[in-house]
Amino acid sequence: MSNLMEERVLSVRHWTDRLFSFTTTRDSGFRFRNGEFTMTGIKVDGKPLLRAYSVASPNYEETLEFYSIKVPNGPLTSRMQHLKEGDTIIVGRKATGTLVIDNLREGKNLYLLATGTGVAPFLSIIRDPETYERFEKIVLVHGCRQVAELAYGESMVTALQDHEFLADEVRAKLIYYPTVTREPFRHEGRISKLMDNGQLYSDICLPSLDTARDRVMLCGSTQMMVDLKSRLVALGFEEGNHGEAGDFVLEKAFAER
């Protein structure tokens, strides 16, 4: 059996001139844990051109959804941005990644800290019933440069308020905290700055991070993950992986680009 599947594009939506999402069919044999990624792409000159894409849709849905940045001269995304309904896309059969809640120790609050397209795996996690069973509060912090870049994540969070099965849990437990760095907005500044000056915790009415209580997931730009990991380690947080659960996890396989 080939390790690649061909799926059909069902829809494409362009959120800004730099960001788009698309949905595809899903092979009945494709399995993944919420938060994982798979290699995804298209054929160019008859050969697969792939990169790691987190699955933004939850694992119980019959379709797949992905969220992508458009890199003007990127070998793949410069082509992917022209996808349209009915096109064929390639999806790897094997999903993997460290951003799964099984890699975290038991805790009270779950912080999902993302920049840019790094929000994608967390949109899968916040639609997972197990997330709400394990944690009392789930805090999704999404940092972008401009307000328009928050639209995809915000639309997903808004839709969850009326989810057929999760609505009550979402309203009681999910805290959504968008922030931007280059425009006026109700929350402004880098995630690291908002943590350092205490503004984040003040705004969401929760105490600052504590290893006894809080668990953290990171996904986004390389610099963001380096900055936040160093802060977590300084606070005594231990990194988890597939072999041993920890206080925080990050995805090393790719960074927002």
Protein backbone atom coordinates (compact mmCIF):
# COMPACT_ATOMS: atom_id res chain seq x y z
CA MET A 1 0.00 0.00 0.00
CA SER A 2 1.30 3.44 -0.90
CA ASN A 3 2.13 5.72 2.00
CA LEU A 4 0.34 8.54 0.17
CA MET A 5 -3.36 9.03 -0.50
CA GLU A 6 -5.06 11.15 -3.12
CA GLU A 7 -7.92 13.24 -1.79
CA ARG A 8 -10.30 15.62 -3.52
CA VAL A 9 -10.52 19.29 -2.53
CA LEU A 10 -14.04 20.09 -1.31
CA SER A 11 -13.67 23.79 -0.54
CA VAL A 12 -11.11 26.59 -0.35
CA ARG A 13 -11.39 29.86 1.55
CA HIS A 14 -8.94 32.75 1.39
CA TRP A 15 -8.94 34.62 4.69
CA THR A 16 -6.33 37.25 3.75
CA ASP A 17 -3.87 37.72 0.91
CA ARG A 18 -1.46 35.55 2.94
CA LEU A 19 -3.69 32.92 4.53
CA PHE A 20 -6.12 30.29 3.28
CA SER A 21 -7.80 27.09 4.44
CA PHE A 22 -9.09 24.11 2.50
CA THR A 23 -11.09 20.98 3.16
CA THR A 24 -10.70 17.60 1.46
CA THR A 25 -12.21 14.17 1.41
CA ARG A 26 -10.85 11.70 3.97
CA ASP A 27 -9.82 8.11 3.30
CA SER A 28 -11.78 5.81 5.62
CA GLY A 29 -8.53 4.21 6.75
CA PHE A 30 -6.76 7.43 7.74
CA ARG A 31 -6.34 7.73 11.50
CA PHE A 32 -4.82 10.54 13.56
CA ARG A 33 -4.83 11.95 17.06
CA ASN A 34 -6.04 15.51 17.50
CA GLY A 35 -3.05 17.85 17.26
CA GLU A 36 -1.01 15.67 14.87
CA PHE A 37 0.28 16.57 11.42
CA THR A 38 0.76 14.69 8.18
CA MET A 39 2.71 15.33 4.98
CA THR A 40 0.44 17.08 2.50
CA GLY A 41 0.90 18.58 -0.94
CA ILE A 42 0.46 18.16 -4.68
CA LYS A 43 2.20 16.53 -7.60
CA VAL A 44 4.61 18.70 -9.57
CA ASP A 45 5.99 17.24 -12.80
CA GLY A 46 4.61 13.89 -11.73
CA LYS A 47 6.40 13.85 -8.37
CA PRO A 48 4.91 14.55 -4.91
CA LEU A 49 5.86 17.92 -3.40
CA LEU A 50 5.00 17.76 0.29
CA ARG A 51 5.35 19.61 3.57
CA ALA A 52 4.07 19.05 7.11
CA TYR A 53 0.54 20.29 7.70
CA SER A 54 -1.29 20.01 10.99
CA VAL A 55 -4.83 18.69 10.65
CA ALA A 56 -7.10 21.48 11.83
CA SER A 57 -10.24 19.33 11.84
CA PRO A 58 -10.99 16.91 14.71
CA ASN A 59 -10.43 13.20 14.18
CA TYR A 60 -14.12 12.32 14.32
CA GLU A 61 -15.06 14.32 11.22
CA GLU A 62 -15.42 12.65 7.83
CA THR A 63 -13.45 15.37 6.04
CA LEU A 64 -10.01 16.90 6.57
CA GLU A 65 -9.21 20.58 6.97
CA PHE A 66 -5.87 22.36 6.69
CA TYR A 67 -4.71 25.95 7.21
CA SER A 68 -1.85 27.43 5.22
CA ILE A 69 0.23 30.52 4.71
CA LYS A 70 1.01 31.71 1.19
CA VAL A 71 4.73 32.08 0.59
CA PRO A 72 5.14 34.05 -2.67
CA ASN A 73 8.17 32.09 -3.86
CA GLY A 74 7.59 28.98 -1.77
CA PRO A 75 8.01 25.81 -3.83
CA LEU A 76 4.74 24.37 -2.50
CA THR A 77 2.50 27.10 -1.08
CA SER A 78 2.95 29.32 -4.13
CA ARG A 79 1.14 26.52 -5.98
CA MET A 80 -1.20 25.38 -3.21
CA GLN A 81 -2.77 28.82 -2.91
CA HIS A 82 -4.37 28.24 -6.33
CA LEU A 83 -6.23 25.11 -5.22
CA LYS A 84 -9.88 24.98 -6.16
CA GLU A 85 -12.82 22.67 -5.56
CA GLY A 86 -12.36 19.37 -7.36
CA ASP A 87 -8.56 19.46 -7.46
CA THR A 88 -6.53 16.50 -6.22
CA ILE A 89 -4.27 16.78 -3.20
CA ILE A 90 -1.87 14.27 -1.66
CA VAL A 91 -2.09 13.33 2.01
CA GLY A 92 0.36 11.08 3.85
CA ARG A 93 -1.16 7.98 5.45
CA LYS A 94 0.88 8.34 8.65
CA ALA A 95 0.07 11.17 11.05
CA THR A 96 2.45 12.04 13.87
CA GLY A 97 3.53 14.89 16.14
CA THR A 98 4.07 15.84 19.78
CA LEU A 99 1.07 18.18 20.17
CA VAL A 100 -1.26 15.59 21.67
CA ILE A 101 -2.65 15.78 25.19
CA ASP A 102 -1.40 12.26 25.94
CA ASN A 103 2.09 13.78 26.07
CA LEU A 104 1.11 16.03 28.99
CA ARG A 105 0.91 15.19 32.68
CA GLU A 106 -2.37 15.62 34.48
CA GLY A 107 -3.16 19.24 35.21
CA LYS A 108 -5.88 21.79 35.84
CA ASN A 109 -5.44 24.34 33.05
CA LEU A 110 -4.29 23.81 29.46
CA TYR A 111 -2.62 26.72 27.66
CA LEU A 112 -2.49 26.51 23.86
CA LEU A 113 -0.05 29.20 22.70
CA ALA A 114 0.08 29.83 18.96
CA THR A 115 1.27 32.35 16.42
CA GLY A 116 0.08 32.55 12.83
CA THR A 117 -0.82 29.23 11.21
CA GLY A 118 0.44 27.49 14.35
CA VAL A 119 -3.15 27.72 15.60
CA ALA A 120 -4.18 24.84 13.28
CA PRO A 121 -3.44 21.87 15.57
CA PHE A 122 -5.10 23.63 18.48
CA LEU A 123 -8.34 24.01 16.50
CA SER A 124 -8.39 20.22 16.39
CA ILE A 125 -7.64 19.94 20.11
CA ILE A 126 -10.36 22.37 21.22
CA ARG A 127 -12.90 20.28 19.33
CA ASP A 128 -11.85 17.09 21.15
CA PRO A 129 -14.24 16.03 23.96
CA GLU A 130 -11.31 14.49 25.86
CA THR A 131 -9.69 17.93 26.18
CA TYR A 132 -12.68 19.13 28.22
CA GLU A 133 -12.73 15.94 30.28
CA ARG A 134 -9.10 16.38 31.30
CA PHE A 135 -8.88 20.12 31.98
CA GLU A 136 -10.93 22.68 33.89
CA LYS A 137 -9.89 25.59 31.68
CA ILE A 138 -8.49 25.61 28.14
CA VAL A 139 -6.83 28.89 27.18
CA LEU A 140 -6.24 29.42 23.46
CA VAL A 141 -3.86 32.34 22.89
CA HIS A 142 -3.39 33.28 19.23
CA GLY A 143 -0.88 35.94 18.26
CA CYS A 144 -0.81 37.51 14.80
CA ARG A 145 0.57 40.66 13.23
CA GLN A 146 -2.79 42.04 12.04
CA VAL A 147 -6.40 41.68 13.12
CA ALA A 148 -7.49 40.14 9.81
CA GLU A 149 -5.11 37.24 10.39
CA LEU A 150 -7.15 36.15 13.41
CA ALA A 151 -10.29 35.50 11.33
CA TYR A 152 -9.90 31.76 10.74
CA GLY A 153 -9.26 30.85 14.36
CA GLU A 154 -11.93 33.24 15.60
CA SER A 155 -14.52 31.74 13.25
CA MET A 156 -13.77 28.25 14.58
CA VAL A 157 -14.05 29.35 18.21
CA THR A 158 -17.31 31.19 17.50
CA ALA A 159 -18.81 28.13 15.80
CA LEU A 160 -17.92 26.00 18.83
CA GLN A 161 -20.23 28.09 21.00
CA ASP A 162 -23.12 26.36 19.23
CA HIS A 163 -21.52 22.93 18.75
CA GLU A 164 -24.09 20.12 18.88
CA PHE A 165 -22.29 18.22 21.66
CA LEU A 166 -19.57 20.51 23.05
CA ALA A 167 -21.32 23.88 23.39
CA ASP A 168 -21.87 23.73 27.16
CA GLU A 169 -18.31 22.59 27.87
CA VAL A 170 -16.89 25.21 25.52
CA ARG A 171 -18.81 28.04 27.13
CA ALA A 172 -17.75 26.94 30.60
CA LYS A 173 -14.12 26.06 29.95
CA LEU A 174 -12.68 27.60 26.76
CA ILE A 175 -11.00 31.01 26.97
CA TYR A 176 -10.04 32.55 23.63
CA TYR A 177 -7.38 35.27 23.76
CA PRO A 178 -6.39 36.83 20.41
CA THR A 179 -3.59 39.39 20.30
CA VAL A 180 -1.92 41.41 17.53
CA THR A 181 1.39 43.22 17.29
CA ARG A 182 1.00 45.73 14.44
CA GLU A 183 -2.48 47.21 14.79
CA PRO A 184 -4.69 48.64 17.52
CA PHE A 185 -6.75 45.86 19.11
CA ARG A 186 -8.30 44.93 22.44
CA HIS A 187 -5.20 42.79 23.16
CA GLU A 188 -1.87 43.97 21.82
CA GLY A 189 1.65 42.59 22.03
CA ARG A 190 3.65 39.41 21.69
CA ILE A 191 2.56 36.45 23.78
CA SER A 192 5.88 36.50 25.65
CA LYS A 193 5.41 40.16 26.59
CA LEU A 194 1.83 39.59 27.77
CA MET A 195 3.05 36.74 29.96
CA ASP A 196 6.04 38.68 31.31
CA ASN A 197 4.05 41.75 32.33
CA GLY A 198 1.14 39.70 33.68
CA GLN A 199 -1.42 41.24 31.32
CA LEU A 200 -2.49 37.86 29.95
CA TYR A 201 -3.29 36.44 33.37
CA SER A 202 -5.01 39.63 34.49
CA ASP A 203 -7.23 39.66 31.41
CA ILE A 204 -8.31 36.02 31.72
CA CYS A 205 -8.60 36.11 35.52
CA LEU A 206 -6.22 33.21 36.12
CA PRO A 207 -3.00 33.12 38.19
CA SER A 208 0.37 33.08 36.43
CA LEU A 209 1.78 29.77 35.20
CA ASP A 210 2.61 27.14 37.81
CA THR A 211 3.97 23.64 37.19
CA ALA A 212 1.64 22.21 39.82
CA ARG A 213 -1.43 23.33 37.93
CA ASP A 214 -0.77 24.31 34.32
CA ARG A 215 0.12 22.47 31.12
CA VAL A 216 1.25 24.19 27.94
CA MET A 217 1.43 23.49 24.20
CA LEU A 218 3.43 25.68 21.79
CA CYS A 219 3.14 26.01 18.02
CA GLY A 220 4.20 28.84 15.73
CA SER A 221 7.32 30.63 14.61
CA THR A 222 10.70 29.29 15.60
CA GLN A 223 11.54 32.45 17.56
CA MET A 224 8.25 32.33 19.46
CA MET A 225 8.83 28.73 20.50
CA VAL A 226 12.42 29.44 21.57
CA ASP A 227 11.30 32.46 23.61
CA LEU A 228 8.42 30.70 25.32
CA LYS A 229 10.27 27.45 25.93
CA SER A 230 13.05 29.33 27.72
CA ARG A 231 10.47 30.99 29.98
CA LEU A 232 8.76 27.70 30.77
CA VAL A 233 12.04 25.96 31.56
CA ALA A 234 13.02 28.85 33.85
CA LEU A 235 9.75 28.31 35.72
CA GLY A 236 10.56 24.63 36.21
CA PHE A 237 8.36 23.20 33.47
CA GLU A 238 9.62 19.94 31.94
CA GLU A 239 9.21 19.16 28.26
CA GLY A 240 7.21 16.08 27.32
CA ASN A 241 7.40 13.78 24.31
CA HIS A 242 6.08 10.44 23.06
CA GLY A 243 8.27 8.58 25.54
CA GLU A 244 7.44 10.50 28.68
CA ALA A 245 4.68 12.98 29.50
CA GLY A 246 5.73 16.44 30.62
CA ASP A 247 4.44 19.86 31.64
CA PHE A 248 4.70 21.30 28.13
CA VAL A 249 5.15 20.16 24.53
CA LEU A 250 6.06 21.86 21.29
CA GLU A 251 6.19 20.73 17.68
CA LYS A 252 9.79 20.47 16.50
CA ALA A 253 8.98 18.99 13.10
CA PHE A 254 8.08 22.36 11.62
CA ALA A 255 7.73 25.99 12.52
CA GLU A 256 5.42 28.52 10.94
CA ARG A 257 6.85 29.63 7.63
